[in-house]
Amino acid sequence: MYLTTEKKQEFFKAHGKNEQDTGSAEGQIALFTFRIAHLTEHLKTNKKDYGTQRSLIALVAKRRKLLNYLTKVDVLRYRSIVKELGLRK
């Protein structure tokens, strides 16, 4: 599997408070970004995989909702996570 428990803990440790902090918006956004990149690469070779395409769209929407939440709550946290992950609106 492409996403192991250790890999998840690395994301939460790097972007959350610690590796047990799985609920932080920054950690979830980082995890979603990794999964989106993986699904995008998969869809480049498997163009007719519509189930994966639907999952990708759902993940992008979840990440967007979390980013919108961060802009309302704390703009500095939003700017730092966007800068770290290289996202754009």
C-alpha atoms as a PDB file:
ATOM      1  CA  MET A   1       0.000   0.000   0.000  1.00  0.00           C
ATOM      2  CA  TYR A   2       1.248   3.458  -0.829  1.00  0.00           C
ATOM      3  CA  LEU A   3       0.191   5.039   2.473  1.00  0.00           C
ATOM      4  CA  THR A   4       1.469   3.239   5.546  1.00  0.00           C
ATOM      5  CA  THR A   5       0.935   4.115   9.190  1.00  0.00           C
ATOM      6  CA  GLU A   6       4.498   5.395   9.451  1.00  0.00           C
ATOM      7  CA  LYS A   7       3.989   7.668   6.456  1.00  0.00           C
ATOM      8  CA  LYS A   8       0.806   9.098   8.017  1.00  0.00           C
ATOM      9  CA  GLN A   9       2.613   9.719  11.291  1.00  0.00           C
ATOM     10  CA  GLU A  10       5.321  11.621   9.405  1.00  0.00           C
ATOM     11  CA  PHE A  11       2.700  13.928   7.885  1.00  0.00           C
ATOM     12  CA  PHE A  12       1.035  14.592  11.221  1.00  0.00           C
ATOM     13  CA  LYS A  13       4.370  15.087  12.952  1.00  0.00           C
ATOM     14  CA  ALA A  14       5.574  17.548  10.298  1.00  0.00           C
ATOM     15  CA  HIS A  15       2.361  19.523   9.948  1.00  0.00           C
ATOM     16  CA  GLY A  16       0.489  18.937  13.208  1.00  0.00           C
ATOM     17  CA  LYS A  17       1.484  19.398  16.819  1.00  0.00           C
ATOM     18  CA  ASN A  18       2.691  15.798  17.142  1.00  0.00           C
ATOM     19  CA  GLU A  19       2.145  12.440  15.446  1.00  0.00           C
ATOM     20  CA  GLN A  20      -0.970  11.709  17.536  1.00  0.00           C
ATOM     21  CA  ASP A  21      -2.587  14.992  16.478  1.00  0.00           C
ATOM     22  CA  THR A  22      -4.556  13.563  13.556  1.00  0.00           C
ATOM     23  CA  GLY A  23      -7.379  16.072  13.825  1.00  0.00           C
ATOM     24  CA  SER A  24      -5.473  19.248  13.026  1.00  0.00           C
ATOM     25  CA  ALA A  25      -6.481  20.921   9.791  1.00  0.00           C
ATOM     26  CA  GLU A  26      -2.859  21.273   8.674  1.00  0.00           C
ATOM     27  CA  GLY A  27      -2.161  17.561   9.084  1.00  0.00           C
ATOM     28  CA  GLN A  28      -5.314  16.578   7.238  1.00  0.00           C
ATOM     29  CA  ILE A  29      -4.573  19.000   4.396  1.00  0.00           C
ATOM     30  CA  ALA A  30      -1.050  17.580   4.046  1.00  0.00           C
ATOM     31  CA  LEU A  31      -2.411  14.027   3.978  1.00  0.00           C
ATOM     32  CA  PHE A  32      -5.080  14.945   1.423  1.00  0.00           C
ATOM     33  CA  THR A  33      -2.442  16.636  -0.738  1.00  0.00           C
ATOM     34  CA  PHE A  34      -0.321  13.475  -0.761  1.00  0.00           C
ATOM     35  CA  ARG A  35      -3.329  11.322  -1.655  1.00  0.00           C
ATOM     36  CA  ILE A  36      -4.406  13.768  -4.393  1.00  0.00           C
ATOM     37  CA  ALA A  37      -0.933  13.643  -5.945  1.00  0.00           C
ATOM     38  CA  HIS A  38      -0.989   9.832  -5.873  1.00  0.00           C
ATOM     39  CA  LEU A  39      -4.447   9.612  -7.473  1.00  0.00           C
ATOM     40  CA  THR A  40      -3.497  12.168 -10.119  1.00  0.00           C
ATOM     41  CA  GLU A  41      -0.515  10.056 -11.168  1.00  0.00           C
ATOM     42  CA  HIS A  42      -2.739   6.973 -11.262  1.00  0.00           C
ATOM     43  CA  LEU A  43      -5.274   8.720 -13.476  1.00  0.00           C
ATOM     44  CA  LYS A  44      -2.595   9.797 -15.946  1.00  0.00           C
ATOM     45  CA  THR A  45      -2.057   6.160 -16.876  1.00  0.00           C
ATOM     46  CA  ASN A  46      -5.614   4.880 -16.254  1.00  0.00           C
ATOM     47  CA  LYS A  47      -7.802   7.465 -17.950  1.00  0.00           C
ATOM     48  CA  LYS A  48     -11.026   5.455 -17.757  1.00  0.00           C
ATOM     49  CA  ASP A  49     -10.905   4.707 -14.027  1.00  0.00           C
ATOM     50  CA  TYR A  50     -13.990   6.708 -13.163  1.00  0.00           C
ATOM     51  CA  GLY A  51     -14.229   5.473  -9.570  1.00  0.00           C
ATOM     52  CA  THR A  52     -10.803   6.883  -8.814  1.00  0.00           C
ATOM     53  CA  GLN A  53     -11.702  10.068 -10.667  1.00  0.00           C
ATOM     54  CA  ARG A  54     -14.747  10.510  -8.445  1.00  0.00           C
ATOM     55  CA  SER A  55     -12.640   9.880  -5.326  1.00  0.00           C
ATOM     56  CA  LEU A  56     -10.115  12.451  -6.482  1.00  0.00           C
ATOM     57  CA  ILE A  57     -12.798  15.097  -6.922  1.00  0.00           C
ATOM     58  CA  ALA A  58     -14.149  14.333  -3.447  1.00  0.00           C
ATOM     59  CA  LEU A  59     -10.669  14.656  -1.900  1.00  0.00           C
ATOM     60  CA  VAL A  60     -10.063  17.980  -3.621  1.00  0.00           C
ATOM     61  CA  ALA A  61     -13.398  19.243  -2.278  1.00  0.00           C
ATOM     62  CA  LYS A  62     -12.545  18.109   1.273  1.00  0.00           C
ATOM     63  CA  ARG A  63      -9.168  19.824   1.111  1.00  0.00           C
ATOM     64  CA  ARG A  64     -10.763  23.006  -0.225  1.00  0.00           C
ATOM     65  CA  LYS A  65     -13.289  23.003   2.643  1.00  0.00           C
ATOM     66  CA  LEU A  66     -10.495  22.645   5.186  1.00  0.00           C
ATOM     67  CA  LEU A  67      -8.526  25.450   3.544  1.00  0.00           C
ATOM     68  CA  ASN A  68     -11.612  27.686   3.599  1.00  0.00           C
ATOM     69  CA  TYR A  69     -12.053  26.857   7.289  1.00  0.00           C
ATOM     70  CA  LEU A  70      -8.455  27.864   7.989  1.00  0.00           C
ATOM     71  CA  THR A  71      -8.894  31.202   6.215  1.00  0.00           C
ATOM     72  CA  LYS A  72     -11.848  31.996   8.473  1.00  0.00           C
ATOM     73  CA  VAL A  73     -10.191  30.837  11.698  1.00  0.00           C
ATOM     74  CA  ASP A  74      -6.537  31.861  11.292  1.00  0.00           C
ATOM     75  CA  VAL A  75      -5.135  33.395   8.126  1.00  0.00           C
ATOM     76  CA  LEU A  76      -1.515  32.952   9.233  1.00  0.00           C
ATOM     77  CA  ARG A  77      -1.954  29.182   9.611  1.00  0.00           C
ATOM     78  CA  TYR A  78      -3.589  29.116   6.171  1.00  0.00           C
ATOM     79  CA  ARG A  79      -0.729  31.020   4.558  1.00  0.00           C
ATOM     80  CA  SER A  80       1.921  28.850   6.197  1.00  0.00           C
ATOM     81  CA  ILE A  81       0.341  25.541   5.082  1.00  0.00           C
ATOM     82  CA  VAL A  82      -0.208  26.816   1.538  1.00  0.00           C
ATOM     83  CA  LYS A  83       3.414  27.932   1.378  1.00  0.00           C
ATOM     84  CA  GLU A  84       4.743  24.635   2.818  1.00  0.00           C
ATOM     85  CA  LEU A  85       2.769  22.439   0.458  1.00  0.00           C
ATOM     86  CA  GLY A  86       3.029  24.681  -2.593  1.00  0.00           C
ATOM     87  CA  LEU A  87      -0.723  24.944  -3.115  1.00  0.00           C
ATOM     88  CA  ARG A  88      -2.517  27.602  -5.101  1.00  0.00           C
ATOM     89  CA  LYS A  89      -6.122  28.633  -5.196  1.00  0.00           C
END
